[in-house]
Every structure is written in structure tokens, then in C-alpha cells.
Amino acid sequence: MSIDYTPGPLLDAARNTPTALWNDSADPDELRQSISFGGVGATCNPTIAYTCINQRKDVWLPASPSSPRRCPRPPSPRSAGRSCAR
């Protein structure tokens, strides 16, 4: 994924101060925009996650009930952020 940075006060703060911008969302488009402003990551609560999943089922849910996501083994800290194979 390539990010084009957006000039402005948030990016300036992220680059020139110890400020760390975290986005409070699980929406991929919002996260992409936050990273362009200098964001370093995301955090969200169960309500935000539930709302995002319902709004972006095409991203977060399997394509069909006949192709559920399966993880061959429990996720490890190294695999954080990666999705399981379909």
C-alpha cells in the first residue's frame, strides 16, 4: 500500500514533535487518510468496530457462507493485522 502524505499541521506535528496520531476507527479509508496526515496506527472500541464491520461487510466479512475464513493455526503476534486465508 502506498500512501501520499497530506501537508498540514497534523503531518508537521507528527514529523517534528513527539506527537503520535492514532486514528479511532476501523474503517480502511479513514485509516488511510489518517496515515496520510502522519498517523501511526489505529485503535477502536467494540461499538466502533461493530459499526465499521456492518458498514463495510465487503471488506471485513467472507465473500459467501460457502467460503468461510479459516486460520490454519491460532494467530501469533507476528501475524497481527493480517487476515486469515479463505
N, C-alpha and C. Protein backbone atom coordinates (compact mmCIF):
# COMPACT_ATOMS: atom_id res chain seq x y z
N MET A 1 0.85 -1.16 0.00
CA MET A 1 0.00 0.00 0.00
C MET A 1 0.90 1.23 0.00
N SER A 2 0.63 2.13 -0.89
CA SER A 2 1.38 3.38 -0.99
C SER A 2 0.55 4.52 -0.43
N ILE A 3 1.17 5.35 0.38
CA ILE A 3 0.48 6.49 0.99
C ILE A 3 1.11 7.78 0.49
N ASP A 4 0.28 8.68 -0.02
CA ASP A 4 0.72 10.02 -0.36
C ASP A 4 0.42 10.90 0.85
N TYR A 5 1.46 11.51 1.43
CA TYR A 5 1.27 12.33 2.62
C TYR A 5 0.60 13.64 2.28
N THR A 6 -0.27 14.10 3.18
CA THR A 6 -1.02 15.34 3.01
C THR A 6 -0.39 16.43 3.87
N PRO A 7 0.19 17.45 3.25
CA PRO A 7 0.80 18.53 4.04
C PRO A 7 -0.24 19.21 4.94
N GLY A 8 0.20 19.63 6.11
CA GLY A 8 -0.68 20.33 7.02
C GLY A 8 -0.16 20.23 8.44
N PRO A 9 -0.91 20.80 9.39
CA PRO A 9 -0.44 20.85 10.78
C PRO A 9 -0.30 19.47 11.43
N LEU A 10 -1.16 18.53 11.09
CA LEU A 10 -1.04 17.20 11.70
C LEU A 10 0.23 16.50 11.24
N LEU A 11 0.52 16.57 9.95
CA LEU A 11 1.74 15.95 9.44
C LEU A 11 2.96 16.65 10.02
N ASP A 12 2.93 17.98 10.10
CA ASP A 12 4.04 18.73 10.69
C ASP A 12 4.28 18.30 12.14
N ALA A 13 3.20 18.18 12.91
CA ALA A 13 3.33 17.77 14.32
C ALA A 13 3.88 16.35 14.42
N ALA A 14 3.40 15.46 13.56
CA ALA A 14 3.86 14.07 13.59
C ALA A 14 5.34 13.96 13.24
N ARG A 15 5.80 14.80 12.33
CA ARG A 15 7.19 14.74 11.91
C ARG A 15 8.15 15.50 12.81
N ASN A 16 7.68 16.56 13.47
CA ASN A 16 8.59 17.47 14.17
C ASN A 16 8.44 17.49 15.69
N THR A 17 7.53 16.70 16.23
CA THR A 17 7.34 16.65 17.68
C THR A 17 7.17 15.19 18.10
N PRO A 18 7.18 14.92 19.39
CA PRO A 18 6.96 13.54 19.83
C PRO A 18 5.49 13.10 19.72
N THR A 19 4.67 13.89 19.05
CA THR A 19 3.25 13.58 18.89
C THR A 19 3.07 12.29 18.09
N ALA A 20 2.16 11.45 18.54
CA ALA A 20 1.78 10.24 17.80
C ALA A 20 0.28 10.31 17.55
N LEU A 21 -0.11 10.38 16.30
CA LEU A 21 -1.51 10.46 15.92
C LEU A 21 -2.06 9.05 15.72
N TRP A 22 -3.05 8.70 16.53
CA TRP A 22 -3.73 7.41 16.41
C TRP A 22 -5.15 7.67 15.95
N ASN A 23 -5.61 6.92 15.00
CA ASN A 23 -6.95 7.07 14.47
C ASN A 23 -7.90 6.16 15.25
N ASP A 24 -9.03 6.69 15.68
CA ASP A 24 -10.00 5.92 16.45
C ASP A 24 -11.08 5.38 15.52
N SER A 25 -10.67 4.47 14.64
CA SER A 25 -11.60 3.90 13.67
C SER A 25 -11.04 2.59 13.12
N ALA A 26 -11.92 1.76 12.61
CA ALA A 26 -11.52 0.53 11.94
C ALA A 26 -11.83 0.60 10.45
N ASP A 27 -12.24 1.77 9.97
CA ASP A 27 -12.57 1.93 8.56
C ASP A 27 -11.29 2.08 7.74
N PRO A 28 -11.06 1.23 6.75
CA PRO A 28 -9.83 1.30 5.96
C PRO A 28 -9.60 2.65 5.29
N ASP A 29 -10.65 3.29 4.80
CA ASP A 29 -10.50 4.59 4.14
C ASP A 29 -10.10 5.67 5.15
N GLU A 30 -10.72 5.65 6.32
CA GLU A 30 -10.37 6.62 7.35
C GLU A 30 -8.94 6.39 7.85
N LEU A 31 -8.55 5.13 7.98
CA LEU A 31 -7.19 4.83 8.41
C LEU A 31 -6.18 5.30 7.35
N ARG A 32 -6.47 5.06 6.10
CA ARG A 32 -5.59 5.50 5.02
C ARG A 32 -5.41 7.02 5.06
N GLN A 33 -6.51 7.75 5.28
CA GLN A 33 -6.43 9.20 5.35
C GLN A 33 -5.63 9.64 6.58
N SER A 34 -5.84 8.98 7.71
CA SER A 34 -5.10 9.32 8.92
C SER A 34 -3.60 9.12 8.72
N ILE A 35 -3.22 8.03 8.07
CA ILE A 35 -1.80 7.79 7.79
C ILE A 35 -1.24 8.88 6.89
N SER A 36 -2.05 9.36 5.95
CA SER A 36 -1.57 10.43 5.06
C SER A 36 -1.32 11.72 5.84
N PHE A 37 -1.98 11.88 6.99
CA PHE A 37 -1.77 13.06 7.85
C PHE A 37 -0.64 12.82 8.85
N GLY A 38 -0.01 11.66 8.81
CA GLY A 38 1.07 11.35 9.74
C GLY A 38 0.69 10.37 10.83
N GLY A 39 -0.50 9.79 10.75
CA GLY A 39 -0.95 8.82 11.75
C GLY A 39 -0.06 7.59 11.77
N VAL A 40 0.05 6.99 12.94
CA VAL A 40 0.92 5.83 13.11
C VAL A 40 0.16 4.53 13.35
N GLY A 41 -1.14 4.61 13.60
CA GLY A 41 -1.89 3.40 13.87
C GLY A 41 -3.33 3.69 14.16
N ALA A 42 -4.03 2.66 14.62
CA ALA A 42 -5.46 2.80 14.89
C ALA A 42 -5.82 2.07 16.17
N THR A 43 -6.85 2.56 16.77
CA THR A 43 -7.44 1.92 17.94
C THR A 43 -8.95 2.09 17.83
N CYS A 44 -9.70 1.17 18.35
CA CYS A 44 -11.15 1.36 18.33
C CYS A 44 -11.78 0.52 19.43
N ASN A 45 -13.00 0.87 19.76
CA ASN A 45 -13.73 0.13 20.79
C ASN A 45 -14.73 -0.80 20.10
N PRO A 46 -15.37 -1.69 20.83
CA PRO A 46 -16.29 -2.64 20.21
C PRO A 46 -17.43 -1.99 19.43
N THR A 47 -17.95 -0.87 19.90
CA THR A 47 -19.05 -0.20 19.19
C THR A 47 -18.57 0.32 17.84
N ILE A 48 -17.39 0.96 17.82
CA ILE A 48 -16.84 1.45 16.55
C ILE A 48 -16.55 0.29 15.61
N ALA A 49 -15.95 -0.78 16.13
CA ALA A 49 -15.64 -1.94 15.29
C ALA A 49 -16.91 -2.55 14.70
N TYR A 50 -17.95 -2.72 15.52
CA TYR A 50 -19.21 -3.29 15.05
C TYR A 50 -19.82 -2.43 13.96
N THR A 51 -19.82 -1.12 14.17
CA THR A 51 -20.38 -0.19 13.17
C THR A 51 -19.61 -0.29 11.87
N CYS A 52 -18.29 -0.30 11.95
CA CYS A 52 -17.46 -0.38 10.75
C CYS A 52 -17.68 -1.69 10.00
N ILE A 53 -17.74 -2.79 10.73
CA ILE A 53 -17.97 -4.09 10.09
C ILE A 53 -19.30 -4.08 9.35
N ASN A 54 -20.34 -3.55 9.98
CA ASN A 54 -21.65 -3.51 9.32
C ASN A 54 -21.67 -2.59 8.11
N GLN A 55 -20.88 -1.51 8.14
CA GLN A 55 -20.86 -0.58 7.01
C GLN A 55 -19.97 -1.07 5.88
N ARG A 56 -18.98 -1.90 6.18
CA ARG A 56 -18.01 -2.35 5.17
C ARG A 56 -17.92 -3.87 5.14
N LYS A 57 -19.06 -4.54 5.03
CA LYS A 57 -19.07 -6.00 5.02
C LYS A 57 -18.24 -6.58 3.89
N ASP A 58 -18.13 -5.83 2.79
CA ASP A 58 -17.33 -6.29 1.66
C ASP A 58 -15.85 -6.42 2.03
N VAL A 59 -15.41 -5.67 3.01
CA VAL A 59 -14.00 -5.71 3.43
C VAL A 59 -13.78 -6.70 4.57
N TRP A 60 -14.69 -6.71 5.54
CA TRP A 60 -14.45 -7.43 6.78
C TRP A 60 -15.06 -8.82 6.87
N LEU A 61 -16.00 -9.17 6.01
CA LEU A 61 -16.64 -10.49 6.10
C LEU A 61 -16.27 -11.35 4.90
N PRO A 62 -16.38 -12.68 5.06
CA PRO A 62 -16.11 -13.57 3.92
C PRO A 62 -17.04 -13.26 2.75
N ALA A 63 -16.61 -13.63 1.57
CA ALA A 63 -17.37 -13.35 0.36
C ALA A 63 -18.72 -14.07 0.36
N SER A 64 -18.78 -15.28 0.88
CA SER A 64 -20.04 -16.02 0.94
C SER A 64 -19.95 -17.03 2.07
N PRO A 65 -21.11 -17.53 2.52
CA PRO A 65 -21.09 -18.52 3.60
C PRO A 65 -20.34 -19.80 3.21
N SER A 66 -20.24 -20.07 1.92
CA SER A 66 -19.55 -21.29 1.49
C SER A 66 -18.04 -21.12 1.48
N SER A 67 -17.54 -19.90 1.71
CA SER A 67 -16.09 -19.69 1.74
C SER A 67 -15.68 -18.98 3.03
N PRO A 68 -15.89 -19.65 4.18
CA PRO A 68 -15.54 -19.00 5.44
C PRO A 68 -14.03 -18.83 5.57
N ARG A 69 -13.63 -17.83 6.33
CA ARG A 69 -12.21 -17.65 6.60
C ARG A 69 -11.77 -18.72 7.58
N ARG A 70 -10.62 -19.28 7.30
CA ARG A 70 -10.08 -20.30 8.20
C ARG A 70 -8.63 -19.96 8.51
N CYS A 71 -8.27 -20.03 9.75
CA CYS A 71 -6.88 -19.87 10.14
C CYS A 71 -6.32 -21.26 10.40
N PRO A 72 -5.20 -21.61 9.77
CA PRO A 72 -4.65 -22.95 9.97
C PRO A 72 -4.16 -23.15 11.40
N ARG A 73 -3.81 -22.09 12.09
CA ARG A 73 -3.38 -22.16 13.49
C ARG A 73 -3.74 -20.84 14.15
N PRO A 74 -3.73 -20.79 15.47
CA PRO A 74 -4.07 -19.54 16.14
C PRO A 74 -3.13 -18.41 15.71
N PRO A 75 -3.65 -17.18 15.59
CA PRO A 75 -2.80 -16.07 15.19
C PRO A 75 -1.71 -15.82 16.23
N SER A 76 -0.56 -15.39 15.75
CA SER A 76 0.55 -15.05 16.63
C SER A 76 0.75 -13.54 16.60
N PRO A 77 1.52 -13.00 17.53
CA PRO A 77 1.79 -11.56 17.48
C PRO A 77 2.42 -11.12 16.16
N ARG A 78 3.16 -12.01 15.52
CA ARG A 78 3.77 -11.67 14.22
C ARG A 78 2.73 -11.52 13.11
N SER A 79 1.60 -12.19 13.28
CA SER A 79 0.58 -12.13 12.22
C SER A 79 -0.48 -11.08 12.50
N ALA A 80 -0.30 -10.26 13.52
CA ALA A 80 -1.27 -9.23 13.86
C ALA A 80 -1.53 -8.33 12.65
N GLY A 81 -2.79 -8.09 12.37
CA GLY A 81 -3.15 -7.22 11.26
C GLY A 81 -3.32 -7.95 9.94
N ARG A 82 -2.90 -9.20 9.87
CA ARG A 82 -3.08 -9.97 8.65
C ARG A 82 -4.35 -10.77 8.74
N SER A 83 -5.04 -10.94 7.64
CA SER A 83 -6.27 -11.71 7.67
C SER A 83 -5.98 -13.16 7.35
N CYS A 84 -6.88 -14.03 7.78
CA CYS A 84 -6.74 -15.46 7.53
C CYS A 84 -7.05 -15.77 6.08
N ALA A 85 -6.59 -16.91 5.62
CA ALA A 85 -6.87 -17.35 4.25
C ALA A 85 -8.32 -17.75 4.12
N ARG A 86 -8.88 -17.58 2.94
CA ARG A 86 -10.26 -18.00 2.68
C ARG A 86 -10.28 -19.45 2.32
